C-alpha atoms as a PDB file:
ATOM      1  CA  MET A   1     -33.759 -13.082 -25.015  1.00  0.00           C
ATOM      2  CA  GLU A   2     -32.910 -12.376 -28.609  1.00  0.00           C
ATOM      3  CA  ARG A   3     -29.592 -12.029 -30.412  1.00  0.00           C
ATOM      4  CA  PRO A   4     -30.481 -10.276 -33.686  1.00  0.00           C
ATOM      5  CA  SER A   5     -27.121 -10.882 -35.340  1.00  0.00           C
ATOM      6  CA  TYR A   6     -27.418 -14.687 -35.064  1.00  0.00           C
ATOM      7  CA  PRO A   7     -29.188 -16.967 -37.574  1.00  0.00           C
ATOM      8  CA  PRO A   8     -32.950 -17.472 -37.008  1.00  0.00           C
ATOM      9  CA  GLU A   9     -32.620 -21.013 -35.606  1.00  0.00           C
ATOM     10  CA  THR A  10     -30.272 -19.887 -32.802  1.00  0.00           C
ATOM     11  CA  ARG A  11     -31.473 -16.324 -32.371  1.00  0.00           C
ATOM     12  CA  TYR A  12     -33.620 -16.911 -29.264  1.00  0.00           C
ATOM     13  CA  TYR A  13     -32.399 -18.349 -25.992  1.00  0.00           C
ATOM     14  CA  PHE A  14     -33.504 -18.539 -22.391  1.00  0.00           C
ATOM     15  CA  ALA A  15     -31.451 -17.461 -19.412  1.00  0.00           C
ATOM     16  CA  ASP A  16     -32.311 -18.110 -15.774  1.00  0.00           C
ATOM     17  CA  LEU A  17     -31.332 -14.871 -14.072  1.00  0.00           C
ATOM     18  CA  ASP A  18     -33.196 -15.376 -10.776  1.00  0.00           C
ATOM     19  CA  ASN A  19     -31.381 -15.567  -7.433  1.00  0.00           C
ATOM     20  CA  LEU A  20     -28.046 -14.406  -8.806  1.00  0.00           C
ATOM     21  CA  GLY A  21     -25.536 -13.258  -6.230  1.00  0.00           C
ATOM     22  CA  ALA A  22     -22.264 -11.450  -6.417  1.00  0.00           C
ATOM     23  CA  VAL A  23     -19.242 -13.532  -7.324  1.00  0.00           C
ATOM     24  CA  HIS A  24     -16.451 -12.890  -4.861  1.00  0.00           C
ATOM     25  CA  ARG A  25     -13.064 -13.449  -6.379  1.00  0.00           C
ATOM     26  CA  TRP A  26     -10.726 -12.249  -3.682  1.00  0.00           C
ATOM     27  CA  THR A  27      -7.880 -14.560  -4.510  1.00  0.00           C
ATOM     28  CA  PRO A  28      -4.444 -13.977  -2.970  1.00  0.00           C
ATOM     29  CA  GLN A  29      -3.212 -12.552  -6.287  1.00  0.00           C
ATOM     30  CA  VAL A  30      -6.021  -9.975  -6.392  1.00  0.00           C
ATOM     31  CA  LEU A  31      -5.367  -8.953  -2.794  1.00  0.00           C
ATOM     32  CA  TYR A  32      -1.637  -8.637  -3.490  1.00  0.00           C
ATOM     33  CA  ILE A  33      -2.169  -6.435  -6.559  1.00  0.00           C
ATOM     34  CA  ASN A  34      -4.627  -4.209  -4.664  1.00  0.00           C
ATOM     35  CA  LEU A  35      -2.242  -3.881  -1.725  1.00  0.00           C
ATOM     36  CA  LEU A  36       0.623  -3.047  -4.076  1.00  0.00           C
ATOM     37  CA  GLY A  37      -1.508  -0.411  -5.785  1.00  0.00           C
ATOM     38  CA  LEU A  38      -2.347   1.207  -2.447  1.00  0.00           C
ATOM     39  CA  VAL A  39       1.335   1.261  -1.473  1.00  0.00           C
ATOM     40  CA  TYR A  40       2.202   2.986  -4.766  1.00  0.00           C
ATOM     41  CA  LEU A  41      -0.640   5.459  -4.214  1.00  0.00           C
ATOM     42  CA  PHE A  42       0.486   6.389  -0.705  1.00  0.00           C
ATOM     43  CA  VAL A  43       4.147   6.644  -1.723  1.00  0.00           C
ATOM     44  CA  GLY A  44       3.138   8.865  -4.641  1.00  0.00           C
ATOM     45  CA  PHE A  45       1.114  11.143  -2.353  1.00  0.00           C
ATOM     46  CA  PHE A  46       3.986  11.300   0.134  1.00  0.00           C
ATOM     47  CA  VAL A  47       6.488  12.266  -2.553  1.00  0.00           C
ATOM     48  CA  LEU A  48       4.084  14.768  -4.093  1.00  0.00           C
ATOM     49  CA  PHE A  49       3.475  16.573  -0.804  1.00  0.00           C
ATOM     50  CA  LYS A  50       7.082  16.293   0.381  1.00  0.00           C
ATOM     51  CA  GLN A  51       8.525  17.864  -2.766  1.00  0.00           C
ATOM     52  CA  ALA A  52       6.028  20.670  -3.200  1.00  0.00           C
ATOM     53  CA  ARG A  53       8.822  23.177  -3.898  1.00  0.00           C
ATOM     54  CA  THR A  54      10.121  21.431  -7.016  1.00  0.00           C
ATOM     55  CA  SER A  55       8.924  22.114 -10.503  1.00  0.00           C
ATOM     56  CA  ALA A  56       5.385  20.953 -11.194  1.00  0.00           C
ATOM     57  CA  ILE A  57       6.329  19.728 -14.666  1.00  0.00           C
ATOM     58  CA  ARG A  58       9.076  17.522 -13.255  1.00  0.00           C
ATOM     59  CA  ILE A  59       6.669  16.006 -10.731  1.00  0.00           C
ATOM     60  CA  ALA A  60       4.000  15.401 -13.339  1.00  0.00           C
ATOM     61  CA  LEU A  61       6.472  13.796 -15.728  1.00  0.00           C
ATOM     62  CA  ARG A  62       7.940  11.527 -13.053  1.00  0.00           C
ATOM     63  CA  ASP A  63       4.514  10.482 -11.759  1.00  0.00           C
ATOM     64  CA  GLY A  64       3.266   9.876 -15.279  1.00  0.00           C
ATOM     65  CA  VAL A  65       6.223   7.618 -16.061  1.00  0.00           C
ATOM     66  CA  CYS A  66       5.748   5.758 -12.767  1.00  0.00           C
ATOM     67  CA  CYS A  67       2.036   5.229 -13.439  1.00  0.00           C
ATOM     68  CA  ARG A  68       2.743   4.011 -16.970  1.00  0.00           C
ATOM     69  CA  ILE A  69       5.274   1.478 -15.701  1.00  0.00           C
ATOM     70  CA  CYS A  70       2.828   0.236 -13.063  1.00  0.00           C
ATOM     71  CA  LEU A  71       0.023  -0.116 -15.593  1.00  0.00           C
ATOM     72  CA  SER A  72       2.322  -1.985 -17.976  1.00  0.00           C
ATOM     73  CA  LEU A  73       3.335  -4.390 -15.222  1.00  0.00           C
ATOM     74  CA  LEU A  74      -0.282  -4.913 -14.220  1.00  0.00           C
ATOM     75  CA  HIS A  75      -1.249  -5.621 -17.832  1.00  0.00           C
ATOM     76  CA  ALA A  76       1.603  -8.111 -18.186  1.00  0.00           C
ATOM     77  CA  TYR A  77       0.636  -9.793 -14.901  1.00  0.00           C
ATOM     78  CA  ARG A  78      -2.983 -10.193 -16.029  1.00  0.00           C
ATOM     79  CA  GLN A  79      -1.912 -11.665 -19.351  1.00  0.00           C
ATOM     80  CA  LEU A  80       0.347 -14.167 -17.578  1.00  0.00           C
ATOM     81  CA  SER A  81      -2.339 -15.129 -15.067  1.00  0.00           C
ATOM     82  CA  ARG A  82      -4.859 -15.897 -17.846  1.00  0.00           C
ATOM     83  CA  SER A  83      -2.641 -18.498 -19.473  1.00  0.00           C
END
């Protein structure tokens, strides 16, 4: 393989890509985050269908704020788990 942006002496390298399998990383933290995401999804669907008579703008604003908070928490969790 070639990396054109590298100097000529380190531009070429060899990589053994045979017999590669999928890396399964189903740690307890990943399972917990996925389960929490599904709970939020189902609660959001329940609230959306239960309050169909309310204003659509109010629902969209509330759901957007909820999603933004969840994404911010997920981002913070990932940053903490990397350190």
